[in-house]
Protein backbone atom coordinates (compact mmCIF):
# COMPACT_ATOMS: atom_id res chain seq x y z
CA MET A 1 97.06 -38.89 15.36
CA LYS A 2 94.72 -36.78 13.24
CA ASN A 3 93.23 -35.54 16.52
CA MET A 4 96.70 -34.53 17.73
CA ARG A 5 97.36 -32.58 14.53
CA ASP A 6 93.99 -30.83 14.78
CA ILE A 7 94.75 -29.77 18.34
CA CYS A 8 98.12 -28.36 17.36
CA GLU A 9 96.57 -26.43 14.48
CA ARG A 10 93.89 -24.92 16.74
CA VAL A 11 96.48 -23.85 19.30
CA ALA A 12 98.81 -22.34 16.73
CA LYS A 13 96.14 -20.56 14.70
CA ALA A 14 95.43 -18.02 17.43
CA ALA A 15 99.10 -17.15 17.87
CA ILE A 16 100.68 -17.26 14.40
CA GLY A 17 97.89 -17.20 11.85
CA PRO A 18 96.18 -19.91 9.82
CA THR A 19 98.88 -20.61 7.22
CA LEU A 20 101.76 -21.12 9.62
CA ALA A 21 99.40 -22.83 12.03
CA THR A 22 98.64 -25.56 9.52
CA ALA A 23 102.32 -26.13 8.96
CA PHE A 24 102.92 -26.22 12.69
CA GLY A 25 100.14 -28.76 13.13
CA PHE A 26 101.55 -31.11 10.50
CA LEU A 27 105.06 -30.70 11.92
CA ALA A 28 103.95 -31.43 15.47
CA GLY A 29 102.06 -34.52 14.36
CA ALA A 30 105.04 -35.70 12.36
CA LEU A 31 107.44 -35.20 15.28
CA VAL A 32 105.28 -37.36 17.50
CA LEU A 33 105.19 -40.09 14.88
CA LEU A 34 108.88 -40.09 13.96
CA PRO A 35 110.94 -42.74 15.78
CA GLY A 36 113.83 -40.30 15.84
CA GLY A 37 111.70 -37.34 16.93
CA PRO A 38 111.76 -35.67 20.34
CA ALA A 39 112.40 -38.11 23.18
CA ARG A 40 109.06 -38.82 24.82
CA ALA A 41 110.31 -38.17 28.35
CA GLU A 42 112.24 -35.02 27.41
CA GLY A 43 111.27 -31.50 26.52
CA CYS A 44 108.45 -31.17 29.05
CA GLY A 45 108.76 -28.17 31.33
CA THR A 46 106.77 -26.92 34.30
CA ILE A 47 102.99 -27.02 33.99
CA SER A 48 100.12 -26.30 36.36
CA ILE A 49 96.94 -28.38 36.61
CA ALA A 50 93.73 -27.42 38.39
CA GLU A 51 92.74 -29.78 41.19
CA MET A 52 88.98 -29.25 41.22
CA THR A 53 86.82 -29.54 44.32
CA TRP A 54 84.91 -32.68 43.23
CA GLY A 55 86.30 -36.18 43.35
CA SER A 56 86.43 -37.31 39.72
CA ALA A 57 88.20 -34.15 38.52
CA ALA A 58 90.63 -34.12 41.45
CA ILE A 59 91.59 -37.77 40.92
CA THR A 60 92.12 -37.08 37.22
CA ALA A 61 94.49 -34.24 38.15
CA HIS A 62 96.53 -36.59 40.34
CA ILE A 63 96.59 -39.24 37.60
CA ASP A 64 97.81 -36.60 35.15
CA ARG A 65 100.52 -35.41 37.52
CA PHE A 66 101.82 -38.94 38.09
CA ILE A 67 101.89 -39.89 34.41
CA LEU A 68 103.29 -36.55 33.22
CA GLU A 69 106.02 -36.50 35.87
CA LYS A 70 107.01 -40.17 35.89
CA GLY A 71 106.40 -40.87 32.22
CA TYR A 72 107.23 -37.62 30.46
CA GLY A 73 109.60 -35.84 32.84
CA CYS A 74 107.32 -32.85 33.43
CA THR A 75 107.32 -30.80 36.61
CA VAL A 76 103.67 -30.55 37.63
CA THR A 77 102.06 -28.26 40.18
CA LEU A 78 98.48 -28.85 41.30
CA VAL A 79 96.55 -25.69 42.15
CA PRO A 80 93.12 -25.48 43.83
CA GLY A 81 90.30 -24.94 41.34
CA ASP A 82 86.60 -24.91 40.65
CA THR A 83 84.67 -24.57 37.42
CA MET A 84 84.02 -20.84 37.17
CA PRO A 85 87.17 -19.39 38.80
CA THR A 86 89.45 -21.85 36.99
CA PHE A 87 87.86 -21.12 33.63
CA ALA A 88 88.01 -17.35 34.23
CA SER A 89 91.68 -17.50 35.21
CA MET A 90 92.66 -19.71 32.26
CA ASN A 91 90.70 -17.55 29.85
CA ALA A 92 92.01 -14.19 31.07
CA GLU A 93 95.47 -14.97 32.45
CA GLY A 94 96.48 -18.27 30.86
CA ARG A 95 96.84 -20.14 34.13
CA PRO A 96 96.59 -22.82 35.28
CA ASP A 97 97.72 -24.58 32.12
CA MET A 98 95.10 -27.34 32.26
CA ALA A 99 91.68 -28.10 33.71
CA PRO A 100 91.22 -31.90 33.57
CA GLU A 101 87.43 -31.86 33.84
CA ILE A 102 85.21 -29.01 32.65
CA TRP A 103 81.45 -29.61 32.46
CA ALA A 104 80.62 -27.64 29.34
CA ALA A 105 76.95 -27.01 30.07
CA SER A 106 77.79 -24.89 33.12
CA LEU A 107 79.57 -22.24 31.01
CA GLN A 108 78.73 -23.12 27.41
CA ARG A 109 78.68 -19.63 25.86
CA PRO A 110 81.92 -18.21 27.34
CA LEU A 111 83.66 -21.55 26.74
CA ASP A 112 82.57 -21.55 23.10
CA ASP A 113 83.93 -18.00 22.74
CA ALA A 114 87.28 -18.93 24.30
CA LEU A 115 87.63 -22.00 22.08
CA ARG A 116 86.67 -20.07 18.96
CA ASP A 117 89.16 -17.29 19.71
CA GLY A 118 91.95 -19.76 20.46
CA ARG A 119 92.60 -18.72 24.06
CA LEU A 120 91.69 -22.21 25.22
CA VAL A 121 91.81 -25.60 23.50
CA GLU A 122 89.65 -28.67 24.07
CA THR A 123 91.97 -31.68 23.99
CA THR A 124 89.64 -34.58 24.75
CA ARG A 125 86.21 -35.60 25.99
CA VAL A 126 87.49 -36.94 29.31
CA LEU A 127 84.27 -38.79 30.22
CA THR A 128 83.46 -40.91 27.20
CA ASP A 129 79.81 -41.26 28.17
CA GLY A 130 79.51 -37.72 29.52
CA GLY A 131 78.20 -36.41 32.78
CA VAL A 132 74.97 -38.28 33.51
CA GLU A 133 71.91 -37.12 35.45
CA GLY A 134 68.53 -38.71 35.98
CA TRP A 135 66.12 -40.55 38.25
CA TRP A 136 67.38 -43.89 39.55
CA ILE A 137 66.15 -46.99 41.37
CA PRO A 138 68.10 -49.86 43.00
CA ARG A 139 68.96 -52.69 40.63
CA TYR A 140 67.30 -55.22 42.95
CA ILE A 141 64.01 -53.34 42.52
CA SER A 142 64.47 -53.28 38.75
CA GLU A 143 65.18 -57.02 38.67
CA ALA A 144 62.24 -57.85 40.94
CA HIS A 145 59.91 -55.65 38.87
CA PRO A 146 61.07 -55.88 35.24
CA ASP A 147 57.99 -53.93 34.13
CA ILE A 148 59.55 -50.76 35.58
CA LYS A 149 61.49 -49.32 32.66
CA THR A 150 60.51 -45.65 32.84
CA VAL A 151 59.85 -43.02 35.48
CA GLN A 152 56.17 -43.26 34.55
CA ASP A 153 56.26 -46.99 35.31
CA ALA A 154 57.80 -46.33 38.73
CA LEU A 155 55.15 -43.75 39.58
CA LYS A 156 52.51 -46.47 39.23
CA HIS A 157 53.99 -48.15 42.33
CA PRO A 158 54.12 -45.74 45.28
CA ASP A 159 54.11 -48.76 47.59
CA LEU A 160 57.55 -49.80 46.31
CA PHE A 161 59.16 -46.46 47.18
CA PRO A 162 57.82 -45.53 50.65
CA SER A 163 58.20 -41.95 51.83
CA PRO A 164 60.15 -41.39 55.07
CA GLN A 165 57.59 -38.72 55.94
CA ASP A 166 54.44 -40.74 55.21
CA PRO A 167 54.79 -44.50 54.54
CA ALA A 168 51.36 -44.49 52.89
CA LYS A 169 52.84 -42.43 50.08
CA GLY A 170 55.73 -42.93 47.71
CA ALA A 171 58.81 -40.70 47.64
CA VAL A 172 60.84 -39.04 44.91
CA HIS A 173 64.09 -37.88 46.50
CA THR A 174 65.68 -34.71 45.18
CA CYS A 175 68.90 -32.81 45.79
CA PRO A 176 69.29 -29.94 48.30
CA ALA A 177 67.44 -26.68 47.69
CA ASP A 178 70.58 -24.67 46.93
CA TRP A 179 71.62 -27.01 44.10
CA ASN A 180 70.54 -26.25 40.54
CA CYS A 181 69.46 -29.87 40.04
CA GLN A 182 66.47 -29.34 42.31
CA ILE A 183 64.83 -27.03 39.75
CA PRO A 184 64.43 -29.53 36.89
CA THR A 185 63.61 -32.32 39.34
CA ALA A 186 60.75 -30.29 40.81
CA ASN A 187 59.45 -29.26 37.39
CA LEU A 188 59.57 -32.83 36.09
CA TYR A 189 57.79 -34.05 39.22
CA ARG A 190 54.99 -31.56 38.50
CA ALA A 191 54.91 -32.49 34.81
CA LEU A 192 54.50 -36.14 35.80
CA LYS A 193 51.78 -35.24 38.36
CA GLY A 194 53.67 -36.94 41.14
CA ASP A 195 51.26 -35.78 43.84
CA ASP A 196 48.31 -37.29 41.98
CA ALA A 197 50.22 -40.58 41.68
CA GLY A 198 50.49 -40.79 45.47
CA PHE A 199 54.04 -39.51 45.86
CA GLN A 200 55.84 -36.80 47.79
CA LEU A 201 58.87 -34.83 46.59
CA ILE A 202 61.45 -35.14 49.37
CA ASP A 203 64.08 -32.41 49.76
CA SER A 204 67.20 -34.19 51.00
CA GLY A 205 68.53 -31.07 52.73
CA SER A 206 72.17 -31.99 52.09
CA ALA A 207 74.35 -34.24 49.97
CA ALA A 208 75.07 -36.40 53.03
CA ARG A 209 71.37 -36.94 53.70
CA LEU A 210 70.69 -37.75 50.05
CA ASP A 211 73.49 -40.33 50.10
CA GLY A 212 72.27 -41.60 53.45
CA SER A 213 68.77 -42.22 52.10
CA ILE A 214 70.24 -44.45 49.39
CA ALA A 215 72.49 -46.28 51.85
CA ARG A 216 69.54 -47.00 54.18
CA ALA A 217 67.41 -48.27 51.32
CA PHE A 218 70.12 -50.74 50.33
CA GLU A 219 70.72 -51.85 53.92
CA GLU A 220 67.02 -52.57 54.35
CA LYS A 221 66.52 -53.77 50.75
CA LYS A 222 63.75 -51.22 50.28
CA GLY A 223 62.80 -49.19 47.26
CA TRP A 224 64.30 -45.80 46.48
CA LEU A 225 63.43 -43.42 43.64
CA GLY A 226 65.06 -40.09 43.01
CA TYR A 227 67.59 -37.82 41.39
CA TYR A 228 71.28 -38.69 41.21
CA TRP A 229 74.21 -38.20 38.88
CA ALA A 230 77.45 -39.79 37.68
CA PRO A 231 80.32 -40.13 38.09
CA THR A 232 79.97 -40.51 41.87
CA ALA A 233 81.09 -42.80 44.67
CA ILE A 234 77.48 -43.73 45.46
CA LEU A 235 76.91 -45.20 42.00
CA GLY A 236 80.18 -47.07 42.33
CA LYS A 237 79.18 -48.51 45.69
CA TYR A 238 75.50 -49.25 45.02
CA GLU A 239 74.08 -50.80 41.86
CA MET A 240 71.44 -48.43 40.53
CA VAL A 241 69.43 -48.30 37.30
CA LYS A 242 68.66 -45.02 35.55
CA LEU A 243 65.08 -44.84 34.33
CA SER A 244 63.99 -43.38 31.02
CA PHE A 245 61.51 -40.50 30.89
CA GLY A 246 60.09 -41.97 27.70
CA VAL A 247 61.08 -38.93 25.64
CA ALA A 248 64.30 -37.58 24.18
CA HIS A 249 66.00 -34.56 25.68
CA ASP A 250 64.52 -31.35 24.28
CA ARG A 251 67.17 -28.68 24.75
CA ALA A 252 64.92 -25.74 23.87
CA GLU A 253 62.24 -26.90 26.31
CA TRP A 254 64.88 -27.54 28.95
CA ASN A 255 66.30 -24.03 28.69
CA SER A 256 62.93 -22.29 28.47
CA CYS A 257 61.05 -24.25 31.14
CA THR A 258 62.46 -27.47 32.61
CA ALA A 259 65.46 -25.73 34.18
CA VAL A 260 63.55 -22.52 35.03
CA PRO A 261 62.34 -22.15 38.64
CA ASP A 262 58.58 -22.60 39.01
CA CYS A 263 57.95 -22.88 35.27
CA SER A 264 54.20 -22.46 34.82
CA ALA A 265 53.63 -25.32 32.38
CA PRO A 266 56.37 -27.98 32.63
CA VAL A 267 56.25 -30.99 30.33
CA VAL A 268 58.05 -34.32 30.55
CA ASN A 269 61.62 -34.03 29.31
CA GLY A 270 64.76 -36.14 29.38
CA TYR A 271 67.88 -35.00 31.20
CA PRO A 272 70.78 -33.89 29.02
CA THR A 273 74.04 -35.78 28.91
CA THR A 274 76.67 -33.17 29.65
CA ASP A 275 79.85 -33.06 27.59
CA VAL A 276 82.85 -33.10 29.93
CA TYR A 277 86.17 -31.96 28.47
CA THR A 278 89.80 -31.47 29.33
CA ILE A 279 90.76 -27.88 28.51
CA VAL A 280 94.27 -26.45 28.12
CA THR A 281 95.62 -22.98 27.43
CA ARG A 282 97.13 -22.19 24.07
CA ASP A 283 100.59 -22.11 25.72
CA PHE A 284 100.28 -25.67 27.00
CA PRO A 285 101.80 -27.40 23.93
CA GLU A 286 104.93 -25.24 24.15
CA LYS A 287 105.30 -25.89 27.88
CA ALA A 288 104.50 -29.60 27.81
CA GLY A 289 105.77 -30.65 24.39
CA PRO A 290 103.97 -32.62 21.67
CA ALA A 291 104.34 -36.02 23.35
CA ALA A 292 102.70 -34.87 26.59
CA LEU A 293 100.01 -33.11 24.57
CA ALA A 294 99.35 -36.39 22.76
CA TYR A 295 98.76 -38.06 26.15
CA VAL A 296 96.32 -35.37 27.26
CA SER A 297 94.45 -35.73 23.96
CA LYS A 298 93.98 -39.51 24.50
CA ARG A 299 93.25 -39.66 28.24
CA GLN A 300 89.60 -40.79 28.57
CA TRP A 301 87.62 -43.06 30.87
CA ASP A 302 83.99 -43.99 31.40
CA ASN A 303 81.60 -43.41 34.27
CA GLN A 304 81.65 -47.03 35.43
CA THR A 305 85.41 -46.91 35.93
CA VAL A 306 85.31 -43.52 37.65
CA ASN A 307 82.44 -44.62 39.90
CA GLY A 308 84.49 -47.63 41.00
CA VAL A 309 87.56 -45.54 41.80
CA LEU A 310 85.47 -43.01 43.74
CA ALA A 311 83.77 -45.81 45.67
CA HIS A 312 87.15 -47.31 46.60
CA MET A 313 88.36 -43.92 47.84
CA ASP A 314 85.20 -43.53 49.92
CA GLN A 315 85.32 -47.04 51.40
CA THR A 316 89.02 -46.80 52.33
CA ASN A 317 88.94 -43.14 53.44
CA GLY A 318 91.81 -42.63 51.05
CA SER A 319 93.11 -39.38 49.61
CA ARG A 320 92.70 -38.32 46.02
CA GLU A 321 96.35 -39.18 45.44
CA ASP A 322 95.70 -42.63 46.92
CA ALA A 323 92.76 -43.04 44.53
CA ALA A 324 94.95 -42.09 41.56
CA ARG A 325 97.51 -44.73 42.54
CA TYR A 326 94.72 -47.28 43.02
CA PHE A 327 93.51 -46.56 39.49
CA LEU A 328 96.99 -46.81 37.99
CA THR A 329 97.65 -50.07 39.83
CA THR A 330 94.28 -51.69 39.18
CA PHE A 331 93.21 -50.39 35.78
CA GLU A 332 96.36 -50.72 33.68
CA PRO A 333 94.39 -51.96 30.63
CA VAL A 334 92.60 -48.59 30.64
CA TRP A 335 95.47 -46.14 31.07
CA ALA A 336 98.02 -48.12 29.06
CA THR A 337 96.05 -47.20 25.93
CA TRP A 338 96.72 -43.52 26.64
CA VAL A 339 100.51 -43.71 26.33
CA PRO A 340 103.24 -45.45 24.27
CA ALA A 341 104.67 -48.69 25.66
CA ASP A 342 107.93 -47.12 26.88
CA ILE A 343 106.02 -44.46 28.83
CA ALA A 344 103.74 -47.11 30.32
CA ALA A 345 106.82 -49.02 31.51
CA LYS A 346 108.16 -45.92 33.28
CA VAL A 347 104.81 -45.27 34.96
CA LYS A 348 104.55 -48.90 36.15
CA ALA A 349 108.09 -48.80 37.50
CA ALA A 350 107.26 -45.70 39.55
CA LEU A 351 104.16 -47.17 41.21
């Protein structure tokens, strides 16, 4: 509940000043705690939530809508969104009211400014283990070759990861050329002297082809080495192991070279773990009420769970709303910790 009070204070501070804000924060926290306080399913008005273009964020938006409407009596509208336009609209115009999943690294400086000035409020770290990137291999390769713990270990075995272009060489698969992730992958490949190790860097050309290369490797029980990220359906469907680069992430080096196109002298570096937050406008607490705000401040899940839900959606060709219902039906022990028992009962009854 301390987290809830802190959120209320941050929201209020921008609008009414620090002294009254502190009082507001303590009052809001107390109202949530009091048995005779505001009814948990009352007092929630109309709120808008961004339905982002990628699966994990969109499913979270549908989960939020279901719980807020069925559990708290809110009226929720989902609006199309993406990282930059949604952030810009929330920051400048105060709408939509909530973005369920914002990857902080993609707009760190303007986000920091908006949080500092009180225009936006970070309610929770929605992915408990963050957004994950790295180089991966199939688990069956890892188990058959327990000596492969790092990327450097894998590069000693080009024969285990045959290139589709030249079977005599190994392959490191990377993301499409118009994705930012190709830049650090290419620089790290050069830093590791992949060519000298008998490998080729394979441009996948598209997300579908990258996914297809993994699917084929698993079908044929062959090796695969390359860039991927979580949460994703692929990592929910196929058991992969992320390899270490043998060094910690160096943020300064990353910003000055690793993530810079054609850096002249790249060195080995670890990928960052990206903080992924739920962000609301400063008007959200007034629109949603303290009980709904408490839910949004507790709603968290991990990559393994998200991967599984995404994989189920992919395998069943279901909609994002279907995936949200699948999560609520299948993972009650997860979401029941986000809400009081009476709210959980209402959500279950509505499924």
